Amino acid sequence: MSLFFLLRCPKCKNTMKYHTDTKILTEKRKKCVYCGFSMSVRKALEKKL
């Protein structure tokens, strides 16, 4: 099962898509494609696509 989320970078405020195969998001991290800031996926969630 694939899940798509929309994330917002807390540093530069740009939005990007995030794809995962698991429902567990507590330990996942994503690097911003615009500024390179590393963030927690759970805290940066904007909405589910």
N, C-alpha and C. Protein backbone atom coordinates (compact mmCIF):
# COMPACT_ATOMS: atom_id res chain seq x y z
N MET A 1 0.84 -1.18 0.00
CA MET A 1 0.00 0.00 0.00
C MET A 1 0.89 1.25 0.00
N SER A 2 0.69 2.11 -0.94
CA SER A 2 1.48 3.33 -1.05
C SER A 2 0.72 4.52 -0.49
N LEU A 3 1.43 5.36 0.22
CA LEU A 3 0.85 6.57 0.78
C LEU A 3 1.61 7.78 0.26
N PHE A 4 0.89 8.81 -0.13
CA PHE A 4 1.48 10.06 -0.56
C PHE A 4 1.06 11.16 0.39
N PHE A 5 2.02 11.99 0.78
CA PHE A 5 1.77 13.11 1.67
C PHE A 5 2.33 14.38 1.08
N LEU A 6 1.79 15.49 1.49
CA LEU A 6 2.32 16.80 1.12
C LEU A 6 3.00 17.36 2.37
N LEU A 7 4.29 17.66 2.25
CA LEU A 7 5.06 18.18 3.38
C LEU A 7 5.41 19.64 3.14
N ARG A 8 5.55 20.40 4.22
CA ARG A 8 5.97 21.79 4.14
C ARG A 8 7.25 21.95 4.97
N CYS A 9 8.27 22.48 4.34
CA CYS A 9 9.55 22.70 5.02
C CYS A 9 9.38 23.82 6.05
N PRO A 10 9.78 23.59 7.31
CA PRO A 10 9.65 24.63 8.33
C PRO A 10 10.64 25.78 8.14
N LYS A 11 11.71 25.55 7.38
CA LYS A 11 12.72 26.59 7.19
C LYS A 11 12.40 27.51 6.02
N CYS A 12 12.14 26.94 4.82
CA CYS A 12 11.91 27.77 3.63
C CYS A 12 10.44 27.85 3.22
N LYS A 13 9.56 27.08 3.88
CA LYS A 13 8.10 27.09 3.67
C LYS A 13 7.66 26.57 2.30
N ASN A 14 8.53 25.90 1.55
CA ASN A 14 8.13 25.28 0.29
C ASN A 14 7.47 23.94 0.55
N THR A 15 6.58 23.53 -0.34
CA THR A 15 5.89 22.26 -0.20
C THR A 15 6.47 21.25 -1.18
N MET A 16 6.45 19.95 -0.77
CA MET A 16 6.94 18.88 -1.62
C MET A 16 6.17 17.60 -1.33
N LYS A 17 6.18 16.69 -2.27
CA LYS A 17 5.49 15.41 -2.10
C LYS A 17 6.42 14.41 -1.41
N TYR A 18 5.81 13.50 -0.64
CA TYR A 18 6.55 12.45 0.06
C TYR A 18 5.81 11.15 -0.14
N HIS A 19 6.53 10.09 -0.53
CA HIS A 19 5.94 8.78 -0.77
C HIS A 19 6.52 7.78 0.22
N THR A 20 5.67 6.94 0.80
CA THR A 20 6.11 5.90 1.72
C THR A 20 5.27 4.65 1.53
N ASP A 21 5.84 3.51 1.89
CA ASP A 21 5.12 2.24 1.80
C ASP A 21 4.59 1.79 3.15
N THR A 22 5.01 2.45 4.23
CA THR A 22 4.57 2.08 5.58
C THR A 22 3.72 3.20 6.18
N LYS A 23 2.94 2.84 7.17
CA LYS A 23 2.11 3.84 7.85
C LYS A 23 2.84 4.48 9.03
N ILE A 24 3.98 3.93 9.42
CA ILE A 24 4.73 4.44 10.56
C ILE A 24 5.57 5.63 10.13
N LEU A 25 5.29 6.80 10.68
CA LEU A 25 5.99 8.03 10.31
C LEU A 25 6.77 8.64 11.47
N THR A 26 6.85 7.95 12.61
CA THR A 26 7.45 8.55 13.79
C THR A 26 8.95 8.77 13.65
N GLU A 27 9.66 7.88 12.99
CA GLU A 27 11.12 7.98 12.90
C GLU A 27 11.59 8.40 11.51
N LYS A 28 10.69 8.72 10.61
CA LYS A 28 11.07 9.07 9.24
C LYS A 28 11.56 10.51 9.16
N ARG A 29 12.59 10.73 8.33
CA ARG A 29 13.12 12.07 8.09
C ARG A 29 13.20 12.30 6.60
N LYS A 30 13.06 13.55 6.20
CA LYS A 30 13.10 13.93 4.79
C LYS A 30 13.97 15.17 4.66
N LYS A 31 14.78 15.20 3.61
CA LYS A 31 15.60 16.37 3.32
C LYS A 31 14.85 17.23 2.33
N CYS A 32 14.76 18.53 2.60
CA CYS A 32 14.08 19.46 1.71
C CYS A 32 14.81 19.53 0.38
N VAL A 33 14.07 19.43 -0.72
CA VAL A 33 14.68 19.46 -2.05
C VAL A 33 15.06 20.88 -2.47
N TYR A 34 14.58 21.88 -1.74
CA TYR A 34 14.86 23.27 -2.09
C TYR A 34 16.04 23.85 -1.30
N CYS A 35 16.05 23.64 0.02
CA CYS A 35 17.09 24.27 0.84
C CYS A 35 18.02 23.26 1.53
N GLY A 36 17.69 21.96 1.50
CA GLY A 36 18.55 20.94 2.09
C GLY A 36 18.34 20.71 3.58
N PHE A 37 17.35 21.36 4.18
CA PHE A 37 17.05 21.21 5.61
C PHE A 37 16.47 19.83 5.87
N SER A 38 16.97 19.13 6.89
CA SER A 38 16.48 17.81 7.26
C SER A 38 15.39 17.97 8.33
N MET A 39 14.22 17.37 8.07
CA MET A 39 13.09 17.56 8.98
C MET A 39 12.41 16.23 9.30
N SER A 40 11.66 16.22 10.37
CA SER A 40 10.85 15.06 10.73
C SER A 40 9.59 15.07 9.86
N VAL A 41 9.27 13.94 9.27
CA VAL A 41 8.11 13.87 8.37
C VAL A 41 6.82 14.12 9.14
N ARG A 42 6.73 13.60 10.34
CA ARG A 42 5.50 13.74 11.13
C ARG A 42 5.18 15.19 11.47
N LYS A 43 6.22 15.98 11.77
CA LYS A 43 6.01 17.38 12.14
C LYS A 43 5.77 18.28 10.92
N ALA A 44 6.21 17.82 9.74
CA ALA A 44 6.12 18.66 8.54
C ALA A 44 4.88 18.33 7.69
N LEU A 45 4.04 17.41 8.13
CA LEU A 45 2.86 17.01 7.36
C LEU A 45 1.90 18.16 7.15
N GLU A 46 1.49 18.33 5.92
CA GLU A 46 0.47 19.34 5.62
C GLU A 46 -0.87 18.67 5.35
N LYS A 47 -0.87 17.67 4.45
CA LYS A 47 -2.08 16.90 4.20
C LYS A 47 -1.75 15.61 3.48
N LYS A 48 -2.70 14.68 3.47
CA LYS A 48 -2.55 13.41 2.77
C LYS A 48 -3.12 13.56 1.37
N LEU A 49 -2.39 13.06 0.38
CA LEU A 49 -2.86 13.13 -1.01
C LEU A 49 -3.55 11.85 -1.41
